[in-house]
């Protein structure tokens, strides 16, 4: 009977440790959300930002992102060589795309400049999720892993937390890196466990305040071999 009692106690302790670990990971994310969005404005905020988005193969890419989290409206304007494309999702979820204010029907132009309205949902999720981290995780179906790993990321002391997105963005497997000092989110890795050389590594730098929300001004993109591939730089908020 004593042996049986010890087993029950050990099982209870192990279960409790697992629950505590899970709670700690969620607590770190909650503390980070509180740091980035102290007045809980993200879910209802509306903003318009001008972003410089140089890529190795497209160093002169610029976008204007107009996002209203309360109504669901989204609009992306982007330079396409000599043209300007506009990708819209309205308050009712309807998608429209224009090139220089015109609807394009030429299939080669649609393919070249990514004008199929069906991809507007992906554009919206990309900007909404990345601009809104870590708050935007609350709108995602996500599994937060129990393990917390103190480590270094971009030479800074951080907590590393693994999450799994039900709907992948680049990948479903992400590592989040939170400052040990103040819980600010400092970076993200998007990984493919079956192919360690495939994936994206993001380093966040600087802060821009939108309402009272602290948003990283710059995201620098690297591949998993630490080769620079591009940046997202918020130049200004358009009032």
C-alpha atoms as a PDB file:
ATOM      1  CA  UNK A   1       0.000   0.000   0.000  1.00  0.00           C
ATOM      2  CA  UNK A   2       2.861   2.410   0.802  1.00  0.00           C
ATOM      3  CA  UNK A   3       4.450   1.743  -2.578  1.00  0.00           C
ATOM      4  CA  UNK A   4       1.134   2.422  -4.300  1.00  0.00           C
ATOM      5  CA  UNK A   5       0.793   5.656  -2.313  1.00  0.00           C
ATOM      6  CA  UNK A   6       4.286   6.819  -3.378  1.00  0.00           C
ATOM      7  CA  UNK A   7       3.462   6.140  -7.012  1.00  0.00           C
ATOM      8  CA  UNK A   8       0.320   8.264  -6.767  1.00  0.00           C
ATOM      9  CA  UNK A   9       2.301  11.102  -5.159  1.00  0.00           C
ATOM     10  CA  UNK A  10       4.997  10.920  -7.844  1.00  0.00           C
ATOM     11  CA  UNK A  11       2.385  10.928 -10.588  1.00  0.00           C
ATOM     12  CA  UNK A  12       0.765  13.973  -8.986  1.00  0.00           C
ATOM     13  CA  UNK A  13       4.118  15.789  -8.724  1.00  0.00           C
ATOM     14  CA  UNK A  14       5.002  15.054 -12.354  1.00  0.00           C
ATOM     15  CA  UNK A  15       1.589  16.222 -13.492  1.00  0.00           C
ATOM     16  CA  UNK A  16       1.926  19.396 -11.405  1.00  0.00           C
ATOM     17  CA  UNK A  17       5.367  20.148 -12.862  1.00  0.00           C
ATOM     18  CA  UNK A  18       3.967  19.779 -16.377  1.00  0.00           C
ATOM     19  CA  UNK A  19       1.109  22.138 -15.556  1.00  0.00           C
ATOM     20  CA  UNK A  20       3.496  24.688 -14.034  1.00  0.00           C
ATOM     21  CA  UNK A  21       5.764  24.590 -17.081  1.00  0.00           C
ATOM     22  CA  UNK A  22       2.814  25.114 -19.404  1.00  0.00           C
ATOM     23  CA  UNK A  23       1.541  27.950 -17.234  1.00  0.00           C
ATOM     24  CA  UNK A  24       4.981  29.584 -17.226  1.00  0.00           C
ATOM     25  CA  UNK A  25       5.196  29.599 -21.032  1.00  0.00           C
ATOM     26  CA  UNK A  26       1.746  31.155 -21.261  1.00  0.00           C
ATOM     27  CA  UNK A  27       2.673  33.597 -18.496  1.00  0.00           C
ATOM     28  CA  UNK A  28       5.705  34.808 -20.436  1.00  0.00           C
ATOM     29  CA  UNK A  29       3.566  35.379 -23.523  1.00  0.00           C
ATOM     30  CA  UNK A  30       0.946  37.141 -21.377  1.00  0.00           C
ATOM     31  CA  UNK A  31       3.629  39.389 -19.846  1.00  0.00           C
ATOM     32  CA  UNK A  32       4.910  40.181 -23.330  1.00  0.00           C
ATOM     33  CA  UNK A  33       1.406  41.076 -24.522  1.00  0.00           C
ATOM     34  CA  UNK A  34       1.032  43.359 -21.486  1.00  0.00           C
ATOM     35  CA  UNK A  35       4.360  45.010 -22.354  1.00  0.00           C
ATOM     36  CA  UNK A  36       3.551  45.536 -26.039  1.00  0.00           C
ATOM     37  CA  UNK A  37      -0.128  46.429 -25.588  1.00  0.00           C
ATOM     38  CA  UNK A  38      -0.675  47.751 -22.048  1.00  0.00           C
ATOM     39  CA  UNK A  39      -4.126  49.203 -22.817  1.00  0.00           C
ATOM     40  CA  UNK A  40      -5.370  46.175 -24.783  1.00  0.00           C
ATOM     41  CA  UNK A  41      -5.927  48.167 -27.971  1.00  0.00           C
ATOM     42  CA  UNK A  42      -4.757  45.667 -30.602  1.00  0.00           C
ATOM     43  CA  UNK A  43      -8.113  43.968 -31.239  1.00  0.00           C
ATOM     44  CA  UNK A  44      -9.834  47.271 -32.065  1.00  0.00           C
ATOM     45  CA  UNK A  45      -6.980  49.391 -33.409  1.00  0.00           C
ATOM     46  CA  UNK A  46      -6.880  50.925 -36.879  1.00  0.00           C
ATOM     47  CA  UNK A  47      -3.682  52.158 -38.510  1.00  0.00           C
ATOM     48  CA  UNK A  48      -1.948  52.866 -41.802  1.00  0.00           C
ATOM     49  CA  UNK A  49       1.816  52.485 -42.185  1.00  0.00           C
ATOM     50  CA  UNK A  50       4.393  52.998 -44.935  1.00  0.00           C
ATOM     51  CA  UNK A  51       6.857  50.087 -44.998  1.00  0.00           C
ATOM     52  CA  UNK A  52      10.142  49.696 -46.839  1.00  0.00           C
ATOM     53  CA  UNK A  53      10.595  46.015 -47.667  1.00  0.00           C
ATOM     54  CA  UNK A  54      13.915  45.434 -49.441  1.00  0.00           C
ATOM     55  CA  UNK A  55      14.556  41.884 -50.581  1.00  0.00           C
ATOM     56  CA  UNK A  56      17.721  40.539 -52.164  1.00  0.00           C
ATOM     57  CA  UNK A  57      15.895  40.083 -55.476  1.00  0.00           C
ATOM     58  CA  UNK A  58      13.723  43.192 -55.086  1.00  0.00           C
ATOM     59  CA  UNK A  59      15.653  45.909 -53.193  1.00  0.00           C
ATOM     60  CA  UNK A  60      13.177  48.711 -53.984  1.00  0.00           C
ATOM     61  CA  UNK A  61       9.948  47.195 -52.644  1.00  0.00           C
ATOM     62  CA  UNK A  62       7.625  49.525 -50.723  1.00  0.00           C
ATOM     63  CA  UNK A  63       4.174  48.907 -49.298  1.00  0.00           C
ATOM     64  CA  UNK A  64       1.415  50.886 -47.617  1.00  0.00           C
ATOM     65  CA  UNK A  65      -0.639  48.757 -45.231  1.00  0.00           C
ATOM     66  CA  UNK A  66      -4.038  49.937 -43.987  1.00  0.00           C
ATOM     67  CA  UNK A  67      -5.501  47.640 -41.328  1.00  0.00           C
ATOM     68  CA  UNK A  68      -8.648  47.985 -39.220  1.00  0.00           C
ATOM     69  CA  UNK A  69      -8.872  45.170 -36.694  1.00  0.00           C
ATOM     70  CA  UNK A  70     -12.314  46.258 -35.513  1.00  0.00           C
ATOM     71  CA  UNK A  71     -14.068  46.177 -38.906  1.00  0.00           C
ATOM     72  CA  UNK A  72     -11.820  43.633 -40.657  1.00  0.00           C
ATOM     73  CA  UNK A  73     -10.922  46.043 -43.468  1.00  0.00           C
ATOM     74  CA  UNK A  74      -7.487  45.536 -45.037  1.00  0.00           C
ATOM     75  CA  UNK A  75      -5.723  47.288 -47.879  1.00  0.00           C
ATOM     76  CA  UNK A  76      -2.231  46.768 -49.250  1.00  0.00           C
ATOM     77  CA  UNK A  77      -0.664  49.062 -51.840  1.00  0.00           C
ATOM     78  CA  UNK A  78       2.623  47.952 -53.371  1.00  0.00           C
ATOM     79  CA  UNK A  79       4.866  49.201 -56.163  1.00  0.00           C
ATOM     80  CA  UNK A  80       5.087  46.731 -59.068  1.00  0.00           C
ATOM     81  CA  UNK A  81       7.769  48.106 -61.405  1.00  0.00           C
ATOM     82  CA  UNK A  82       6.022  51.124 -63.039  1.00  0.00           C
ATOM     83  CA  UNK A  83       2.621  50.192 -61.542  1.00  0.00           C
ATOM     84  CA  UNK A  84       0.893  50.317 -58.160  1.00  0.00           C
ATOM     85  CA  UNK A  85      -1.157  47.304 -57.105  1.00  0.00           C
ATOM     86  CA  UNK A  86      -3.925  47.546 -54.527  1.00  0.00           C
ATOM     87  CA  UNK A  87      -5.157  44.464 -52.650  1.00  0.00           C
ATOM     88  CA  UNK A  88      -8.344  44.926 -50.624  1.00  0.00           C
ATOM     89  CA  UNK A  89     -10.487  42.914 -48.239  1.00  0.00           C
ATOM     90  CA  UNK A  90     -13.541  44.895 -47.200  1.00  0.00           C
ATOM     91  CA  UNK A  91     -15.574  44.736 -43.995  1.00  0.00           C
ATOM     92  CA  UNK A  92     -17.702  41.921 -45.445  1.00  0.00           C
ATOM     93  CA  UNK A  93     -14.698  39.792 -46.399  1.00  0.00           C
ATOM     94  CA  UNK A  94     -14.915  40.541 -50.141  1.00  0.00           C
ATOM     95  CA  UNK A  95     -11.566  40.612 -51.941  1.00  0.00           C
ATOM     96  CA  UNK A  96     -10.665  42.937 -54.821  1.00  0.00           C
ATOM     97  CA  UNK A  97      -7.399  43.710 -56.569  1.00  0.00           C
ATOM     98  CA  UNK A  98      -6.476  46.616 -58.839  1.00  0.00           C
ATOM     99  CA  UNK A  99      -3.446  47.637 -60.855  1.00  0.00           C
ATOM    100  CA  UNK A 100      -3.264  51.398 -61.294  1.00  0.00           C
ATOM    101  CA  UNK A 101      -6.935  51.595 -60.219  1.00  0.00           C
ATOM    102  CA  UNK A 102      -8.041  49.090 -62.890  1.00  0.00           C
ATOM    103  CA  UNK A 103      -9.166  45.462 -62.674  1.00  0.00           C
ATOM    104  CA  UNK A 104      -6.766  43.356 -64.745  1.00  0.00           C
ATOM    105  CA  UNK A 105      -8.028  40.352 -66.726  1.00  0.00           C
ATOM    106  CA  UNK A 106      -4.823  39.479 -68.583  1.00  0.00           C
ATOM    107  CA  UNK A 107      -3.657  36.180 -67.045  1.00  0.00           C
ATOM    108  CA  UNK A 108       0.046  36.903 -67.615  1.00  0.00           C
ATOM    109  CA  UNK A 109      -0.236  40.263 -65.832  1.00  0.00           C
ATOM    110  CA  UNK A 110      -2.213  38.669 -63.006  1.00  0.00           C
ATOM    111  CA  UNK A 111       0.462  36.029 -62.518  1.00  0.00           C
ATOM    112  CA  UNK A 112       3.410  38.423 -62.865  1.00  0.00           C
ATOM    113  CA  UNK A 113       2.092  40.971 -60.371  1.00  0.00           C
ATOM    114  CA  UNK A 114       0.200  38.572 -58.069  1.00  0.00           C
ATOM    115  CA  UNK A 115      -3.184  40.142 -58.753  1.00  0.00           C
ATOM    116  CA  UNK A 116      -5.443  37.166 -58.012  1.00  0.00           C
ATOM    117  CA  UNK A 117      -7.850  38.418 -55.308  1.00  0.00           C
ATOM    118  CA  UNK A 118      -7.716  34.995 -53.633  1.00  0.00           C
ATOM    119  CA  UNK A 119      -4.246  35.756 -52.265  1.00  0.00           C
ATOM    120  CA  UNK A 120      -5.454  38.893 -50.453  1.00  0.00           C
ATOM    121  CA  UNK A 121      -6.381  36.744 -47.447  1.00  0.00           C
ATOM    122  CA  UNK A 122      -2.754  35.606 -47.226  1.00  0.00           C
ATOM    123  CA  UNK A 123      -1.512  39.172 -47.490  1.00  0.00           C
ATOM    124  CA  UNK A 124      -3.829  40.239 -44.687  1.00  0.00           C
ATOM    125  CA  UNK A 125      -2.804  37.378 -42.408  1.00  0.00           C
ATOM    126  CA  UNK A 126       0.896  38.015 -43.059  1.00  0.00           C
ATOM    127  CA  UNK A 127       0.733  41.665 -42.058  1.00  0.00           C
ATOM    128  CA  UNK A 128      -1.827  41.245 -39.293  1.00  0.00           C
ATOM    129  CA  UNK A 129       0.030  38.385 -37.628  1.00  0.00           C
ATOM    130  CA  UNK A 130       3.559  39.762 -37.895  1.00  0.00           C
ATOM    131  CA  UNK A 131       2.759  43.405 -37.142  1.00  0.00           C
ATOM    132  CA  UNK A 132       0.610  42.349 -34.203  1.00  0.00           C
ATOM    133  CA  UNK A 133       2.953  39.925 -32.459  1.00  0.00           C
ATOM    134  CA  UNK A 134       2.595  38.774 -29.759  1.00  0.00           C
ATOM    135  CA  UNK A 135      -1.019  40.043 -29.415  1.00  0.00           C
ATOM    136  CA  UNK A 136      -2.085  38.519 -32.732  1.00  0.00           C
ATOM    137  CA  UNK A 137      -1.385  35.018 -31.397  1.00  0.00           C
ATOM    138  CA  UNK A 138      -4.620  35.363 -29.422  1.00  0.00           C
ATOM    139  CA  UNK A 139      -6.572  35.205 -32.701  1.00  0.00           C
ATOM    140  CA  UNK A 140      -4.702  32.130 -33.931  1.00  0.00           C
ATOM    141  CA  UNK A 141      -5.295  28.469 -33.158  1.00  0.00           C
ATOM    142  CA  UNK A 142      -1.952  27.716 -31.566  1.00  0.00           C
ATOM    143  CA  UNK A 143      -0.388  25.102 -29.324  1.00  0.00           C
ATOM    144  CA  UNK A 144       2.046  26.606 -26.809  1.00  0.00           C
ATOM    145  CA  UNK A 145       4.686  24.065 -25.865  1.00  0.00           C
ATOM    146  CA  UNK A 146       5.566  23.510 -22.205  1.00  0.00           C
ATOM    147  CA  UNK A 147       9.315  23.897 -22.497  1.00  0.00           C
ATOM    148  CA  UNK A 148      10.990  27.235 -21.732  1.00  0.00           C
ATOM    149  CA  UNK A 149      14.646  27.492 -22.702  1.00  0.00           C
ATOM    150  CA  UNK A 150      16.813  30.397 -21.458  1.00  0.00           C
ATOM    151  CA  UNK A 151      19.277  31.092 -24.274  1.00  0.00           C
ATOM    152  CA  UNK A 152      20.912  33.788 -26.410  1.00  0.00           C
ATOM    153  CA  UNK A 153      19.288  35.209 -29.534  1.00  0.00           C
ATOM    154  CA  UNK A 154      21.048  37.906 -31.511  1.00  0.00           C
ATOM    155  CA  UNK A 155      23.472  38.174 -28.548  1.00  0.00           C
ATOM    156  CA  UNK A 156      20.654  38.947 -26.107  1.00  0.00           C
ATOM    157  CA  UNK A 157      19.443  36.891 -23.154  1.00  0.00           C
ATOM    158  CA  UNK A 158      16.014  35.524 -24.002  1.00  0.00           C
ATOM    159  CA  UNK A 159      13.390  32.929 -23.183  1.00  0.00           C
ATOM    160  CA  UNK A 160      12.775  30.577 -26.084  1.00  0.00           C
ATOM    161  CA  UNK A 161       9.235  29.201 -26.425  1.00  0.00           C
ATOM    162  CA  UNK A 162       8.041  26.757 -29.079  1.00  0.00           C
ATOM    163  CA  UNK A 163       4.588  27.138 -30.594  1.00  0.00           C
ATOM    164  CA  UNK A 164       2.706  25.271 -33.280  1.00  0.00           C
ATOM    165  CA  UNK A 165       0.251  27.089 -35.547  1.00  0.00           C
ATOM    166  CA  UNK A 166      -2.716  25.125 -36.841  1.00  0.00           C
ATOM    167  CA  UNK A 167      -2.597  27.200 -40.030  1.00  0.00           C
ATOM    168  CA  UNK A 168       1.038  27.630 -41.126  1.00  0.00           C
ATOM    169  CA  UNK A 169       2.575  30.969 -42.012  1.00  0.00           C
ATOM    170  CA  UNK A 170       5.698  29.909 -43.891  1.00  0.00           C
ATOM    171  CA  UNK A 171       5.826  27.062 -41.342  1.00  0.00           C
ATOM    172  CA  UNK A 172       3.597  25.793 -38.554  1.00  0.00           C
ATOM    173  CA  UNK A 173       6.586  25.386 -36.207  1.00  0.00           C
ATOM    174  CA  UNK A 174       7.783  28.626 -34.629  1.00  0.00           C
ATOM    175  CA  UNK A 175      10.244  29.589 -31.940  1.00  0.00           C
ATOM    176  CA  UNK A 176       9.490  32.845 -30.119  1.00  0.00           C
ATOM    177  CA  UNK A 177      12.270  34.746 -28.342  1.00  0.00           C
ATOM    178  CA  UNK A 178      11.340  37.014 -25.425  1.00  0.00           C
ATOM    179  CA  UNK A 179      13.690  39.336 -23.558  1.00  0.00           C
ATOM    180  CA  UNK A 180      14.546  38.022 -20.105  1.00  0.00           C
ATOM    181  CA  UNK A 181      14.758  41.633 -18.939  1.00  0.00           C
ATOM    182  CA  UNK A 182      11.363  43.065 -19.930  1.00  0.00           C
ATOM    183  CA  UNK A 183       9.525  40.325 -21.941  1.00  0.00           C
ATOM    184  CA  UNK A 184       9.649  42.249 -25.224  1.00  0.00           C
ATOM    185  CA  UNK A 185       9.459  39.940 -28.251  1.00  0.00           C
ATOM    186  CA  UNK A 186      12.881  40.117 -29.920  1.00  0.00           C
ATOM    187  CA  UNK A 187      12.573  37.611 -32.734  1.00  0.00           C
ATOM    188  CA  UNK A 188      10.972  34.601 -34.362  1.00  0.00           C
ATOM    189  CA  UNK A 189      12.170  31.457 -36.107  1.00  0.00           C
ATOM    190  CA  UNK A 190       9.954  29.620 -38.584  1.00  0.00           C
ATOM    191  CA  UNK A 191      11.291  26.103 -38.909  1.00  0.00           C
ATOM    192  CA  UNK A 192      10.854  22.835 -40.761  1.00  0.00           C
ATOM    193  CA  UNK A 193      11.966  19.996 -38.447  1.00  0.00           C
ATOM    194  CA  UNK A 194      12.396  17.589 -41.367  1.00  0.00           C
ATOM    195  CA  UNK A 195      14.712  20.041 -43.123  1.00  0.00           C
ATOM    196  CA  UNK A 196      16.832  22.074 -40.667  1.00  0.00           C
ATOM    197  CA  UNK A 197      18.328  24.192 -43.478  1.00  0.00           C
ATOM    198  CA  UNK A 198      14.887  25.388 -44.549  1.00  0.00           C
ATOM    199  CA  UNK A 199      13.174  28.207 -42.687  1.00  0.00           C
ATOM    200  CA  UNK A 200      13.277  31.877 -41.736  1.00  0.00           C
ATOM    201  CA  UNK A 201      14.905  33.688 -38.844  1.00  0.00           C
ATOM    202  CA  UNK A 202      13.646  37.163 -37.906  1.00  0.00           C
ATOM    203  CA  UNK A 203      15.403  39.708 -35.725  1.00  0.00           C
ATOM    204  CA  UNK A 204      13.340  42.630 -34.403  1.00  0.00           C
ATOM    205  CA  UNK A 205      14.915  46.043 -33.925  1.00  0.00           C
ATOM    206  CA  UNK A 206      13.584  49.392 -32.722  1.00  0.00           C
ATOM    207  CA  UNK A 207      10.068  50.370 -31.675  1.00  0.00           C
ATOM    208  CA  UNK A 208       7.294  52.466 -33.203  1.00  0.00           C
ATOM    209  CA  UNK A 209       4.289  53.378 -31.065  1.00  0.00           C
ATOM    210  CA  UNK A 210       0.877  52.981 -32.726  1.00  0.00           C
ATOM    211  CA  UNK A 211      -1.706  54.359 -30.311  1.00  0.00           C
ATOM    212  CA  UNK A 212      -0.148  52.913 -27.147  1.00  0.00           C
ATOM    213  CA  UNK A 213       0.934  49.680 -28.853  1.00  0.00           C
ATOM    214  CA  UNK A 214       4.673  48.992 -29.113  1.00  0.00           C
ATOM    215  CA  UNK A 215       5.392  47.515 -32.554  1.00  0.00           C
ATOM    216  CA  UNK A 216       8.884  46.528 -33.790  1.00  0.00           C
ATOM    217  CA  UNK A 217       9.985  49.151 -36.310  1.00  0.00           C
ATOM    218  CA  UNK A 218      12.252  46.719 -38.164  1.00  0.00           C
ATOM    219  CA  UNK A 219      12.177  42.999 -38.899  1.00  0.00           C
ATOM    220  CA  UNK A 220      15.340  41.655 -40.489  1.00  0.00           C
ATOM    221  CA  UNK A 221      15.009  38.341 -42.317  1.00  0.00           C
ATOM    222  CA  UNK A 222      17.712  35.661 -42.502  1.00  0.00           C
ATOM    223  CA  UNK A 223      17.643  32.080 -43.675  1.00  0.00           C
ATOM    224  CA  UNK A 224      18.602  29.277 -41.299  1.00  0.00           C
ATOM    225  CA  UNK A 225      22.218  29.523 -42.450  1.00  0.00           C
ATOM    226  CA  UNK A 226      22.292  33.162 -41.259  1.00  0.00           C
ATOM    227  CA  UNK A 227      22.307  34.667 -44.754  1.00  0.00           C
ATOM    228  CA  UNK A 228      20.472  37.994 -44.902  1.00  0.00           C
ATOM    229  CA  UNK A 229      17.446  37.951 -47.246  1.00  0.00           C
ATOM    230  CA  UNK A 230      15.584  41.198 -46.528  1.00  0.00           C
ATOM    231  CA  UNK A 231      13.959  43.587 -44.078  1.00  0.00           C
ATOM    232  CA  UNK A 232      10.588  45.115 -43.196  1.00  0.00           C
ATOM    233  CA  UNK A 233      11.109  48.697 -42.014  1.00  0.00           C
ATOM    234  CA  UNK A 234       8.166  50.809 -40.874  1.00  0.00           C
ATOM    235  CA  UNK A 235       9.052  54.281 -42.174  1.00  0.00           C
ATOM    236  CA  UNK A 236       6.093  56.139 -40.747  1.00  0.00           C
ATOM    237  CA  UNK A 237       2.512  55.884 -39.603  1.00  0.00           C
ATOM    238  CA  UNK A 238       0.213  57.683 -42.055  1.00  0.00           C
ATOM    239  CA  UNK A 239      -2.390  59.752 -40.215  1.00  0.00           C
END
